[in-house]
Amino acid sequence: MNTTLSSIALATSLVFSGSALAAGGAWDSAAPWGDAEPVQLTEWNTFGSPVFDNTPDIGAGTISLSPAGATPFGNDIYTLNSIPTITATLAGTAGLFDVYLRVATQGNLLASNATLNGVNATSILAYTGKADLGSGEEQELYWVWNNVAGADLYTFQFKAAKAHILIDQVALATVAVAAVPEPSTYAMLALGLGILGAASRRRKK
């Protein structure tokens, strides 16, 4: 009963907080990939459904919550009493990439671990401040997986650490990295330079 009342109270405070939506849909921190131009960028600044949304504001991808115990609040998702796992997908391309997951929340906090195709990473805090909704914190976190070989599908998963989280924004990005030559490539290069050097010496003689 107390949990239900606290949920109603928080939801009511959200509704009557004039600033709660004012900062929504705008990142407070710089993009974690810096000046690099993402090969792919998918971003939700607004959510059409608290359960499933395959129409991001930028790019193409899907996002879903399980269990589906969340409710829409303005353009955001409010998790009420549930502690959902959020799954986001992005179609892959061939190549080698640093892959980013970026999330903005208010209220309680997300769990620090997230996975990309089952591979774990730990969150990095990019921004924190007092939540606009008057309770808890506003946070922007990101996760990065380095030197990822392009896959047919990237599947990201992250979780709420507690109930009562307002999910404001989610972004997925891939940034191309230069492939590091294999040791055998260096060996062939050294052999080729050696042959050129020997040929040059013969000509001088």
N, C-alpha and C. Protein backbone atom coordinates (compact mmCIF):
# COMPACT_ATOMS: atom_id res chain seq x y z
N MET A 1 0.83 -1.20 0.00
CA MET A 1 0.00 0.00 0.00
C MET A 1 0.86 1.25 0.00
N ASN A 2 1.93 1.25 0.86
CA ASN A 2 2.82 2.42 0.92
C ASN A 2 3.52 2.63 -0.41
N THR A 3 3.89 1.51 -1.06
CA THR A 3 4.56 1.61 -2.36
C THR A 3 3.64 2.23 -3.39
N THR A 4 2.37 1.80 -3.37
CA THR A 4 1.39 2.36 -4.30
C THR A 4 1.19 3.85 -4.07
N LEU A 5 1.08 4.25 -2.78
CA LEU A 5 0.90 5.66 -2.47
C LEU A 5 2.11 6.48 -2.88
N SER A 6 3.32 5.93 -2.66
CA SER A 6 4.52 6.67 -3.06
C SER A 6 4.59 6.82 -4.56
N SER A 7 4.12 5.79 -5.29
CA SER A 7 4.10 5.87 -6.76
C SER A 7 3.17 6.96 -7.23
N ILE A 8 1.98 6.99 -6.59
CA ILE A 8 1.01 8.02 -6.97
C ILE A 8 1.54 9.41 -6.64
N ALA A 9 2.17 9.53 -5.47
CA ALA A 9 2.71 10.84 -5.07
C ALA A 9 3.78 11.31 -6.03
N LEU A 10 4.68 10.39 -6.43
CA LEU A 10 5.75 10.77 -7.34
C LEU A 10 5.19 11.12 -8.71
N ALA A 11 4.24 10.31 -9.18
CA ALA A 11 3.63 10.59 -10.47
C ALA A 11 2.94 11.94 -10.46
N THR A 12 2.26 12.25 -9.34
CA THR A 12 1.58 13.54 -9.21
C THR A 12 2.57 14.69 -9.21
N SER A 13 3.70 14.50 -8.50
CA SER A 13 4.72 15.56 -8.48
C SER A 13 5.30 15.78 -9.85
N LEU A 14 5.40 14.71 -10.65
CA LEU A 14 5.89 14.84 -12.01
C LEU A 14 4.92 15.67 -12.85
N VAL A 15 3.64 15.37 -12.70
CA VAL A 15 2.63 16.05 -13.50
C VAL A 15 2.61 17.54 -13.20
N PHE A 16 2.77 17.91 -11.90
CA PHE A 16 2.64 19.31 -11.52
C PHE A 16 3.98 20.05 -11.46
N SER A 17 5.05 19.39 -11.85
CA SER A 17 6.34 20.06 -11.88
C SER A 17 6.49 20.76 -13.22
N GLY A 18 6.48 22.09 -13.22
CA GLY A 18 6.53 22.83 -14.47
C GLY A 18 7.82 22.63 -15.22
N SER A 19 8.93 22.31 -14.49
CA SER A 19 10.22 22.17 -15.17
C SER A 19 10.52 20.75 -15.57
N ALA A 20 9.66 19.81 -15.23
CA ALA A 20 9.99 18.40 -15.43
C ALA A 20 10.26 18.07 -16.88
N LEU A 21 9.50 18.67 -17.77
CA LEU A 21 9.67 18.36 -19.18
C LEU A 21 10.51 19.41 -19.90
N ALA A 22 10.84 20.49 -19.21
CA ALA A 22 11.53 21.59 -19.88
C ALA A 22 12.89 21.17 -20.42
N ALA A 23 13.61 20.32 -19.65
CA ALA A 23 14.95 19.91 -20.06
C ALA A 23 14.93 18.59 -20.83
N GLY A 24 13.75 18.02 -21.03
CA GLY A 24 13.67 16.73 -21.70
C GLY A 24 14.13 16.81 -23.15
N GLY A 25 14.71 15.71 -23.62
CA GLY A 25 15.10 15.62 -25.02
C GLY A 25 16.33 16.42 -25.38
N ALA A 26 17.09 16.89 -24.39
CA ALA A 26 18.32 17.65 -24.66
C ALA A 26 19.43 17.12 -23.77
N TRP A 27 20.53 16.69 -24.39
CA TRP A 27 21.66 16.17 -23.62
C TRP A 27 22.37 17.31 -22.90
N ASP A 28 22.79 17.07 -21.66
CA ASP A 28 23.55 18.06 -20.90
C ASP A 28 25.06 17.85 -21.04
N SER A 29 25.47 16.66 -21.45
CA SER A 29 26.90 16.36 -21.60
C SER A 29 27.28 16.30 -23.08
N ALA A 30 28.57 16.42 -23.34
CA ALA A 30 29.07 16.30 -24.71
C ALA A 30 28.99 14.85 -25.16
N ALA A 31 28.86 14.63 -26.45
CA ALA A 31 28.81 13.27 -26.99
C ALA A 31 30.07 12.51 -26.59
N PRO A 32 29.94 11.29 -26.07
CA PRO A 32 31.12 10.55 -25.60
C PRO A 32 32.11 10.19 -26.71
N TRP A 33 31.68 10.22 -27.96
CA TRP A 33 32.59 9.91 -29.07
C TRP A 33 33.30 11.17 -29.58
N GLY A 34 33.13 12.29 -28.88
CA GLY A 34 33.88 13.50 -29.20
C GLY A 34 33.57 14.04 -30.58
N ASP A 35 34.64 14.39 -31.32
CA ASP A 35 34.48 14.98 -32.65
C ASP A 35 34.33 13.93 -33.74
N ALA A 36 34.45 12.66 -33.38
CA ALA A 36 34.34 11.60 -34.39
C ALA A 36 32.93 11.60 -34.99
N GLU A 37 32.85 11.30 -36.27
CA GLU A 37 31.56 11.24 -36.95
C GLU A 37 31.06 9.81 -36.90
N PRO A 38 29.95 9.54 -36.19
CA PRO A 38 29.45 8.17 -36.12
C PRO A 38 29.08 7.63 -37.50
N VAL A 39 29.41 6.38 -37.73
CA VAL A 39 28.96 5.70 -38.95
C VAL A 39 27.46 5.47 -38.86
N GLN A 40 27.01 5.11 -37.66
CA GLN A 40 25.58 4.96 -37.39
C GLN A 40 25.25 5.73 -36.11
N LEU A 41 24.10 6.37 -36.12
CA LEU A 41 23.60 7.05 -34.92
C LEU A 41 22.09 6.89 -34.88
N THR A 42 21.62 6.26 -33.81
CA THR A 42 20.19 6.10 -33.58
C THR A 42 19.87 6.71 -32.23
N GLU A 43 18.82 7.53 -32.18
CA GLU A 43 18.56 8.28 -30.95
C GLU A 43 17.06 8.45 -30.72
N TRP A 44 16.66 8.16 -29.47
CA TRP A 44 15.30 8.43 -29.03
C TRP A 44 15.34 9.63 -28.09
N ASN A 45 14.74 10.74 -28.51
CA ASN A 45 14.54 11.89 -27.63
C ASN A 45 13.11 11.94 -27.13
N THR A 46 12.24 11.23 -27.81
CA THR A 46 10.84 11.07 -27.40
C THR A 46 10.48 9.60 -27.59
N PHE A 47 9.54 9.13 -26.80
CA PHE A 47 9.13 7.73 -26.86
C PHE A 47 7.64 7.66 -27.15
N GLY A 48 7.29 6.89 -28.19
CA GLY A 48 5.89 6.75 -28.57
C GLY A 48 5.14 5.74 -27.73
N SER A 49 5.87 4.87 -27.02
CA SER A 49 5.24 3.83 -26.22
C SER A 49 6.17 3.46 -25.08
N PRO A 50 5.63 3.13 -23.91
CA PRO A 50 6.48 2.71 -22.79
C PRO A 50 6.90 1.24 -22.89
N VAL A 51 6.41 0.53 -23.90
CA VAL A 51 6.69 -0.90 -24.04
C VAL A 51 7.62 -1.17 -25.22
N PHE A 52 7.36 -0.54 -26.36
CA PHE A 52 8.11 -0.82 -27.58
C PHE A 52 8.07 0.40 -28.47
N ASP A 53 9.22 0.76 -29.05
CA ASP A 53 9.29 1.92 -29.93
C ASP A 53 10.32 1.64 -31.02
N ASN A 54 9.83 1.46 -32.24
CA ASN A 54 10.75 1.21 -33.36
C ASN A 54 10.83 2.40 -34.31
N THR A 55 10.49 3.59 -33.78
CA THR A 55 10.60 4.81 -34.59
C THR A 55 11.42 5.86 -33.84
N PRO A 56 12.76 5.68 -33.79
CA PRO A 56 13.60 6.68 -33.13
C PRO A 56 13.53 8.02 -33.85
N ASP A 57 13.93 9.08 -33.14
CA ASP A 57 13.94 10.42 -33.73
C ASP A 57 15.06 10.57 -34.75
N ILE A 58 16.14 9.82 -34.56
CA ILE A 58 17.27 9.83 -35.49
C ILE A 58 17.64 8.39 -35.80
N GLY A 59 17.86 8.07 -37.06
CA GLY A 59 18.33 6.74 -37.42
C GLY A 59 17.23 5.69 -37.39
N ALA A 60 17.65 4.43 -37.29
CA ALA A 60 16.72 3.30 -37.30
C ALA A 60 17.13 2.30 -36.23
N GLY A 61 16.14 1.78 -35.51
CA GLY A 61 16.41 0.80 -34.47
C GLY A 61 15.14 0.53 -33.68
N THR A 62 15.25 -0.32 -32.67
CA THR A 62 14.11 -0.62 -31.82
C THR A 62 14.51 -0.53 -30.36
N ILE A 63 13.52 -0.28 -29.50
CA ILE A 63 13.76 -0.29 -28.06
C ILE A 63 12.52 -0.88 -27.40
N SER A 64 12.75 -1.72 -26.36
CA SER A 64 11.63 -2.36 -25.67
C SER A 64 11.98 -2.56 -24.20
N LEU A 65 10.92 -2.67 -23.37
CA LEU A 65 11.08 -2.88 -21.93
C LEU A 65 10.44 -4.19 -21.53
N SER A 66 11.10 -4.94 -20.65
CA SER A 66 10.55 -6.18 -20.13
C SER A 66 10.96 -6.34 -18.66
N PRO A 67 10.02 -6.54 -17.73
CA PRO A 67 8.57 -6.56 -17.97
C PRO A 67 8.04 -5.19 -18.36
N ALA A 68 6.85 -5.18 -18.89
CA ALA A 68 6.31 -3.97 -19.48
C ALA A 68 5.55 -3.12 -18.47
N GLY A 69 6.00 -3.08 -17.22
CA GLY A 69 5.31 -2.31 -16.20
C GLY A 69 5.77 -0.88 -16.13
N ALA A 70 5.59 -0.14 -17.20
CA ALA A 70 5.98 1.27 -17.25
C ALA A 70 4.82 2.06 -17.82
N THR A 71 4.91 3.37 -17.71
CA THR A 71 3.83 4.22 -18.20
C THR A 71 4.44 5.42 -18.93
N PRO A 72 3.77 5.94 -19.95
CA PRO A 72 4.30 7.14 -20.59
C PRO A 72 4.13 8.36 -19.69
N PHE A 73 5.10 9.25 -19.70
CA PHE A 73 4.98 10.53 -19.02
C PHE A 73 5.51 11.59 -19.97
N GLY A 74 4.59 12.36 -20.56
CA GLY A 74 5.01 13.29 -21.60
C GLY A 74 5.62 12.50 -22.74
N ASN A 75 6.84 12.83 -23.09
CA ASN A 75 7.57 12.12 -24.14
C ASN A 75 8.55 11.10 -23.58
N ASP A 76 8.48 10.86 -22.27
CA ASP A 76 9.43 9.98 -21.60
C ASP A 76 8.75 8.70 -21.13
N ILE A 77 9.54 7.82 -20.53
CA ILE A 77 9.04 6.57 -19.98
C ILE A 77 9.29 6.59 -18.48
N TYR A 78 8.24 6.33 -17.70
CA TYR A 78 8.36 6.27 -16.25
C TYR A 78 8.12 4.83 -15.80
N THR A 79 9.06 4.25 -15.04
CA THR A 79 9.01 2.82 -14.74
C THR A 79 8.11 2.45 -13.57
N LEU A 80 7.51 3.41 -12.89
CA LEU A 80 6.62 3.10 -11.78
C LEU A 80 7.25 2.10 -10.82
N ASN A 81 6.55 0.98 -10.53
CA ASN A 81 7.05 0.01 -9.56
C ASN A 81 7.92 -1.08 -10.18
N SER A 82 8.11 -1.07 -11.48
CA SER A 82 8.84 -2.15 -12.13
C SER A 82 10.34 -1.84 -12.18
N ILE A 83 11.13 -2.90 -12.33
CA ILE A 83 12.58 -2.78 -12.54
C ILE A 83 12.88 -3.47 -13.88
N PRO A 84 12.65 -2.78 -14.98
CA PRO A 84 12.71 -3.45 -16.27
C PRO A 84 14.13 -3.60 -16.82
N THR A 85 14.27 -4.55 -17.73
CA THR A 85 15.44 -4.63 -18.59
C THR A 85 15.07 -3.94 -19.90
N ILE A 86 15.92 -3.03 -20.34
CA ILE A 86 15.67 -2.29 -21.58
C ILE A 86 16.55 -2.89 -22.66
N THR A 87 15.95 -3.26 -23.77
CA THR A 87 16.67 -3.84 -24.90
C THR A 87 16.57 -2.91 -26.09
N ALA A 88 17.70 -2.57 -26.69
CA ALA A 88 17.72 -1.73 -27.89
C ALA A 88 18.50 -2.45 -28.97
N THR A 89 18.07 -2.33 -30.20
CA THR A 89 18.75 -3.02 -31.30
C THR A 89 19.11 -2.03 -32.41
N LEU A 90 20.18 -2.37 -33.10
CA LEU A 90 20.70 -1.54 -34.19
C LEU A 90 21.25 -2.48 -35.25
N ALA A 91 20.85 -2.30 -36.50
CA ALA A 91 21.38 -3.13 -37.58
C ALA A 91 22.86 -2.83 -37.78
N GLY A 92 23.66 -3.87 -37.93
CA GLY A 92 25.10 -3.69 -38.03
C GLY A 92 25.60 -3.50 -39.46
N THR A 93 26.84 -3.06 -39.57
CA THR A 93 27.52 -2.94 -40.86
C THR A 93 28.91 -3.55 -40.72
N ALA A 94 29.50 -3.92 -41.85
CA ALA A 94 30.83 -4.53 -41.82
C ALA A 94 31.88 -3.49 -41.43
N GLY A 95 32.90 -3.94 -40.70
CA GLY A 95 33.98 -3.05 -40.31
C GLY A 95 34.38 -3.28 -38.86
N LEU A 96 35.21 -2.39 -38.35
CA LEU A 96 35.66 -2.44 -36.96
C LEU A 96 35.25 -1.12 -36.29
N PHE A 97 34.59 -1.22 -35.13
CA PHE A 97 33.96 -0.04 -34.55
C PHE A 97 34.16 0.04 -33.03
N ASP A 98 34.15 1.27 -32.52
CA ASP A 98 33.85 1.52 -31.12
C ASP A 98 32.34 1.75 -31.07
N VAL A 99 31.66 1.04 -30.18
CA VAL A 99 30.19 1.07 -30.14
C VAL A 99 29.75 1.68 -28.81
N TYR A 100 28.80 2.62 -28.88
CA TYR A 100 28.38 3.38 -27.71
C TYR A 100 26.89 3.20 -27.43
N LEU A 101 26.57 3.14 -26.14
CA LEU A 101 25.21 3.23 -25.63
C LEU A 101 25.19 4.42 -24.69
N ARG A 102 24.24 5.33 -24.88
CA ARG A 102 24.17 6.57 -24.10
C ARG A 102 22.74 6.73 -23.59
N VAL A 103 22.58 7.01 -22.29
CA VAL A 103 21.24 7.06 -21.69
C VAL A 103 21.14 8.24 -20.73
N ALA A 104 20.01 8.96 -20.79
CA ALA A 104 19.71 10.04 -19.84
C ALA A 104 18.49 9.63 -19.03
N THR A 105 18.59 9.76 -17.69
CA THR A 105 17.50 9.37 -16.80
C THR A 105 17.29 10.43 -15.73
N GLN A 106 16.13 10.34 -15.06
CA GLN A 106 15.87 11.13 -13.86
C GLN A 106 15.22 10.23 -12.82
N GLY A 107 15.34 10.62 -11.54
CA GLY A 107 14.77 9.83 -10.47
C GLY A 107 15.82 8.91 -9.87
N ASN A 108 15.52 7.63 -9.78
CA ASN A 108 16.50 6.65 -9.32
C ASN A 108 17.50 6.33 -10.42
N LEU A 109 18.42 5.41 -10.13
CA LEU A 109 19.57 5.19 -11.01
C LEU A 109 19.47 3.88 -11.79
N LEU A 110 20.20 3.84 -12.88
CA LEU A 110 20.33 2.60 -13.65
C LEU A 110 21.42 1.73 -13.04
N ALA A 111 21.36 0.43 -13.29
CA ALA A 111 22.45 -0.47 -12.93
C ALA A 111 23.67 -0.10 -13.77
N SER A 112 24.86 -0.33 -13.22
CA SER A 112 26.08 0.12 -13.90
C SER A 112 26.48 -0.77 -15.07
N ASN A 113 26.01 -2.01 -15.09
CA ASN A 113 26.41 -2.93 -16.15
C ASN A 113 25.42 -2.92 -17.31
N ALA A 114 25.95 -3.04 -18.51
CA ALA A 114 25.14 -3.19 -19.72
C ALA A 114 25.86 -4.17 -20.62
N THR A 115 25.14 -4.76 -21.57
CA THR A 115 25.75 -5.72 -22.48
C THR A 115 25.51 -5.33 -23.93
N LEU A 116 26.46 -5.66 -24.77
CA LEU A 116 26.33 -5.57 -26.22
C LEU A 116 26.56 -6.97 -26.77
N ASN A 117 25.52 -7.54 -27.35
CA ASN A 117 25.59 -8.93 -27.84
C ASN A 117 26.17 -9.86 -26.79
N GLY A 118 25.76 -9.64 -25.53
CA GLY A 118 26.17 -10.49 -24.43
C GLY A 118 27.49 -10.13 -23.78
N VAL A 119 28.22 -9.16 -24.32
CA VAL A 119 29.51 -8.74 -23.77
C VAL A 119 29.28 -7.57 -22.81
N ASN A 120 29.80 -7.70 -21.61
CA ASN A 120 29.53 -6.73 -20.55
C ASN A 120 30.43 -5.49 -20.65
N ALA A 121 29.90 -4.35 -20.21
CA ALA A 121 30.68 -3.12 -20.03
C ALA A 121 30.12 -2.38 -18.82
N THR A 122 30.94 -1.51 -18.23
CA THR A 122 30.54 -0.74 -17.05
C THR A 122 30.30 0.70 -17.44
N SER A 123 29.28 1.30 -16.87
CA SER A 123 28.90 2.66 -17.24
C SER A 123 29.95 3.68 -16.83
N ILE A 124 29.97 4.78 -17.59
CA ILE A 124 30.81 5.94 -17.30
C ILE A 124 29.86 7.12 -17.11
N LEU A 125 30.01 7.83 -16.00
CA LEU A 125 29.14 8.95 -15.69
C LEU A 125 29.58 10.18 -16.46
N ALA A 126 28.69 10.72 -17.29
CA ALA A 126 29.00 11.90 -18.09
C ALA A 126 28.41 13.17 -17.49
N TYR A 127 27.32 13.03 -16.73
CA TYR A 127 26.67 14.21 -16.14
C TYR A 127 25.82 13.75 -14.97
N THR A 128 25.78 14.54 -13.91
CA THR A 128 24.84 14.31 -12.82
C THR A 128 24.40 15.65 -12.25
N GLY A 129 23.17 15.71 -11.79
CA GLY A 129 22.63 16.92 -11.19
C GLY A 129 21.29 16.61 -10.54
N LYS A 130 20.70 17.59 -9.92
CA LYS A 130 19.40 17.38 -9.28
C LYS A 130 18.34 17.21 -10.35
N ALA A 131 17.48 16.22 -10.16
CA ALA A 131 16.44 15.95 -11.14
C ALA A 131 15.46 17.10 -11.24
N ASP A 132 14.99 17.37 -12.45
CA ASP A 132 13.97 18.41 -12.66
C ASP A 132 12.69 18.07 -11.94
N LEU A 133 12.42 16.77 -11.75
CA LEU A 133 11.15 16.37 -11.15
C LEU A 133 11.13 16.56 -9.64
N GLY A 134 12.23 17.05 -9.05
CA GLY A 134 12.24 17.40 -7.65
C GLY A 134 12.59 16.27 -6.72
N SER A 135 12.90 15.09 -7.23
CA SER A 135 13.26 13.95 -6.39
C SER A 135 14.31 13.13 -7.11
N GLY A 136 15.38 12.76 -6.40
CA GLY A 136 16.42 11.94 -7.02
C GLY A 136 17.38 12.75 -7.86
N GLU A 137 18.05 12.07 -8.79
CA GLU A 137 19.10 12.68 -9.61
C GLU A 137 18.76 12.62 -11.09
N GLU A 138 19.33 13.56 -11.81
CA GLU A 138 19.37 13.47 -13.27
C GLU A 138 20.76 12.95 -13.62
N GLN A 139 20.83 11.94 -14.46
CA GLN A 139 22.12 11.38 -14.84
C GLN A 139 22.19 11.14 -16.34
N GLU A 140 23.40 11.28 -16.86
CA GLU A 140 23.70 10.82 -18.22
C GLU A 140 24.87 9.88 -18.13
N LEU A 141 24.64 8.65 -18.58
CA LEU A 141 25.65 7.60 -18.55
C LEU A 141 25.94 7.15 -19.98
N TYR A 142 27.14 6.60 -20.16
CA TYR A 142 27.39 5.92 -21.43
C TYR A 142 28.25 4.69 -21.18
N TRP A 143 28.13 3.78 -22.10
CA TRP A 143 28.94 2.56 -22.12
C TRP A 143 29.64 2.50 -23.47
N VAL A 144 30.85 1.96 -23.51
CA VAL A 144 31.57 1.85 -24.79
C VAL A 144 32.22 0.47 -24.88
N TRP A 145 32.10 -0.11 -26.05
CA TRP A 145 32.77 -1.38 -26.37
C TRP A 145 33.74 -1.07 -27.51
N ASN A 146 35.02 -1.31 -27.28
CA ASN A 146 36.06 -0.94 -28.24
C ASN A 146 36.38 -2.08 -29.20
N ASN A 147 36.74 -1.70 -30.43
CA ASN A 147 37.23 -2.64 -31.44
C ASN A 147 36.27 -3.81 -31.64
N VAL A 148 35.01 -3.47 -31.89
CA VAL A 148 33.97 -4.48 -32.11
C VAL A 148 33.87 -4.75 -33.61
N ALA A 149 33.97 -6.03 -33.99
CA ALA A 149 33.78 -6.40 -35.38
C ALA A 149 32.31 -6.25 -35.74
N GLY A 150 32.03 -5.61 -36.86
CA GLY A 150 30.65 -5.35 -37.27
C GLY A 150 29.82 -6.61 -37.30
N ALA A 151 28.61 -6.55 -36.73
CA ALA A 151 27.71 -7.69 -36.67
C ALA A 151 26.46 -7.38 -37.48
N ASP A 152 25.68 -8.43 -37.79
CA ASP A 152 24.42 -8.21 -38.49
C ASP A 152 23.46 -7.39 -37.63
N LEU A 153 23.51 -7.61 -36.31
CA LEU A 153 22.61 -6.92 -35.41
C LEU A 153 23.31 -6.67 -34.09
N TYR A 154 23.29 -5.43 -33.63
CA TYR A 154 23.78 -5.09 -32.29
C TYR A 154 22.58 -5.12 -31.34
N THR A 155 22.70 -5.88 -30.26
CA THR A 155 21.65 -5.93 -29.25
C THR A 155 22.22 -5.44 -27.93
N PHE A 156 21.71 -4.30 -27.47
CA PHE A 156 22.13 -3.69 -26.21
C PHE A 156 21.10 -4.03 -25.14
N GLN A 157 21.56 -4.28 -23.91
CA GLN A 157 20.66 -4.45 -22.79
C GLN A 157 21.20 -3.72 -21.57
N PHE A 158 20.33 -2.96 -20.90
CA PHE A 158 20.70 -2.32 -19.64
C PHE A 158 19.49 -2.37 -18.73
N LYS A 159 19.71 -2.14 -17.42
CA LYS A 159 18.64 -2.34 -16.45
C LYS A 159 18.51 -1.16 -15.50
N ALA A 160 17.31 -1.01 -14.99
CA ALA A 160 17.09 -0.10 -13.86
C ALA A 160 17.61 -0.77 -12.60
N ALA A 161 18.27 -0.02 -11.74
CA ALA A 161 18.72 -0.56 -10.45
C ALA A 161 17.56 -0.60 -9.46
N LYS A 162 16.62 0.34 -9.62
CA LYS A 162 15.44 0.43 -8.76
C LYS A 162 14.26 0.86 -9.62
N ALA A 163 13.07 0.79 -9.02
CA ALA A 163 11.89 1.33 -9.70
C ALA A 163 11.93 2.85 -9.67
N HIS A 164 10.95 3.47 -10.28
CA HIS A 164 10.80 4.93 -10.30
C HIS A 164 11.95 5.63 -11.02
N ILE A 165 12.13 5.27 -12.29
CA ILE A 165 13.12 5.93 -13.14
C ILE A 165 12.39 6.53 -14.34
N LEU A 166 12.73 7.75 -14.65
CA LEU A 166 12.22 8.42 -15.84
C LEU A 166 13.31 8.31 -16.91
N ILE A 167 13.02 7.56 -17.97
CA ILE A 167 13.98 7.41 -19.07
C ILE A 167 13.71 8.52 -20.08
N ASP A 168 14.66 9.41 -20.22
CA ASP A 168 14.48 10.62 -21.02
C ASP A 168 15.02 10.45 -22.44
N GLN A 169 16.21 9.89 -22.58
CA GLN A 169 16.84 9.74 -23.90
C GLN A 169 17.69 8.48 -23.95
N VAL A 170 17.79 7.92 -25.15
CA VAL A 170 18.68 6.78 -25.40
C VAL A 170 19.31 6.99 -26.77
N ALA A 171 20.63 6.75 -26.87
CA ALA A 171 21.31 6.86 -28.15
C ALA A 171 22.24 5.66 -28.34
N LEU A 172 22.34 5.20 -29.57
CA LEU A 172 23.25 4.12 -29.97
C LEU A 172 24.13 4.66 -31.09
N ALA A 173 25.42 4.38 -31.03
CA ALA A 173 26.32 4.91 -32.06
C ALA A 173 27.47 3.95 -32.33
N THR A 174 27.92 3.93 -33.58
CA THR A 174 29.12 3.19 -33.96
C THR A 174 30.10 4.17 -34.60
N VAL A 175 31.35 4.09 -34.18
CA VAL A 175 32.41 4.95 -34.71
C VAL A 175 33.51 4.06 -35.27
N ALA A 176 33.84 4.24 -36.53
CA ALA A 176 34.84 3.39 -37.19
C ALA A 176 36.22 3.62 -36.59
N VAL A 177 36.97 2.53 -36.43
CA VAL A 177 38.36 2.61 -35.98
C VAL A 177 39.25 1.97 -37.03
N ALA A 178 40.49 2.44 -37.14
CA ALA A 178 41.43 1.88 -38.10
C ALA A 178 41.83 0.49 -37.65
N ALA A 179 41.80 -0.45 -38.58
CA ALA A 179 42.20 -1.82 -38.26
C ALA A 179 43.70 -1.87 -37.98
N VAL A 180 44.08 -2.58 -36.92
CA VAL A 180 45.50 -2.76 -36.60
C VAL A 180 46.05 -3.91 -37.43
N PRO A 181 47.15 -3.71 -38.19
CA PRO A 181 47.69 -4.79 -39.01
C PRO A 181 48.10 -6.00 -38.18
N GLU A 182 47.90 -7.18 -38.76
CA GLU A 182 48.35 -8.41 -38.12
C GLU A 182 49.87 -8.46 -38.08
N PRO A 183 50.48 -9.19 -37.12
CA PRO A 183 51.95 -9.34 -37.08
C PRO A 183 52.53 -9.82 -38.40
N SER A 184 51.81 -10.71 -39.09
CA SER A 184 52.31 -11.23 -40.37
C SER A 184 52.42 -10.12 -41.40
N THR A 185 51.53 -9.11 -41.29
CA THR A 185 51.60 -7.98 -42.23
C THR A 185 52.88 -7.18 -42.00
N TYR A 186 53.23 -6.96 -40.72
CA TYR A 186 54.48 -6.27 -40.41
C TYR A 186 55.67 -7.06 -40.92
N ALA A 187 55.62 -8.39 -40.77
CA ALA A 187 56.73 -9.24 -41.22
C ALA A 187 56.90 -9.13 -42.72
N MET A 188 55.81 -9.14 -43.47
CA MET A 188 55.89 -9.02 -44.93
C MET A 188 56.43 -7.65 -45.32
N LEU A 189 56.02 -6.61 -44.58
CA LEU A 189 56.51 -5.27 -44.87
C LEU A 189 58.01 -5.19 -44.63
N ALA A 190 58.49 -5.76 -43.52
CA ALA A 190 59.93 -5.76 -43.22
C ALA A 190 60.70 -6.52 -44.29
N LEU A 191 60.16 -7.68 -44.73
CA LEU A 191 60.82 -8.47 -45.77
C LEU A 191 60.91 -7.67 -47.07
N GLY A 192 59.80 -6.99 -47.41
CA GLY A 192 59.80 -6.18 -48.64
C GLY A 192 60.81 -5.05 -48.58
N LEU A 193 60.92 -4.37 -47.43
CA LEU A 193 61.90 -3.30 -47.28
C LEU A 193 63.32 -3.84 -47.37
N GLY A 194 63.51 -5.04 -46.80
CA GLY A 194 64.84 -5.66 -46.86
C GLY A 194 65.25 -5.97 -48.29
N ILE A 195 64.31 -6.48 -49.08
CA ILE A 195 64.60 -6.80 -50.48
C ILE A 195 64.92 -5.53 -51.26
N LEU A 196 64.14 -4.46 -51.02
CA LEU A 196 64.40 -3.19 -51.69
C LEU A 196 65.78 -2.66 -51.33
N GLY A 197 66.15 -2.79 -50.04
CA GLY A 197 67.46 -2.32 -49.60
C GLY A 197 68.58 -3.10 -50.26
N ALA A 198 68.42 -4.42 -50.38
CA ALA A 198 69.45 -5.25 -51.02
C ALA A 198 69.58 -4.90 -52.49
N ALA A 199 68.47 -4.67 -53.16
CA ALA A 199 68.51 -4.32 -54.58
C ALA A 199 69.20 -2.97 -54.77
N SER A 200 68.96 -2.04 -53.85
CA SER A 200 69.58 -0.73 -53.96
C SER A 200 71.09 -0.83 -53.80
N ARG A 201 71.53 -1.69 -52.85
CA ARG A 201 72.97 -1.86 -52.66
C ARG A 201 73.64 -2.47 -53.89
N ARG A 202 72.97 -3.43 -54.54
CA ARG A 202 73.53 -4.06 -55.74
C ARG A 202 73.70 -3.02 -56.84
N ARG A 203 72.73 -2.15 -57.00
CA ARG A 203 72.84 -1.13 -58.05
C ARG A 203 74.01 -0.21 -57.80
N LYS A 204 74.25 0.14 -56.52
CA LYS A 204 75.36 1.03 -56.21
C LYS A 204 76.68 0.38 -56.54
N LYS A 205 76.79 -0.96 -56.30
CA LYS A 205 78.04 -1.66 -56.62
C LYS A 205 78.27 -1.71 -58.13
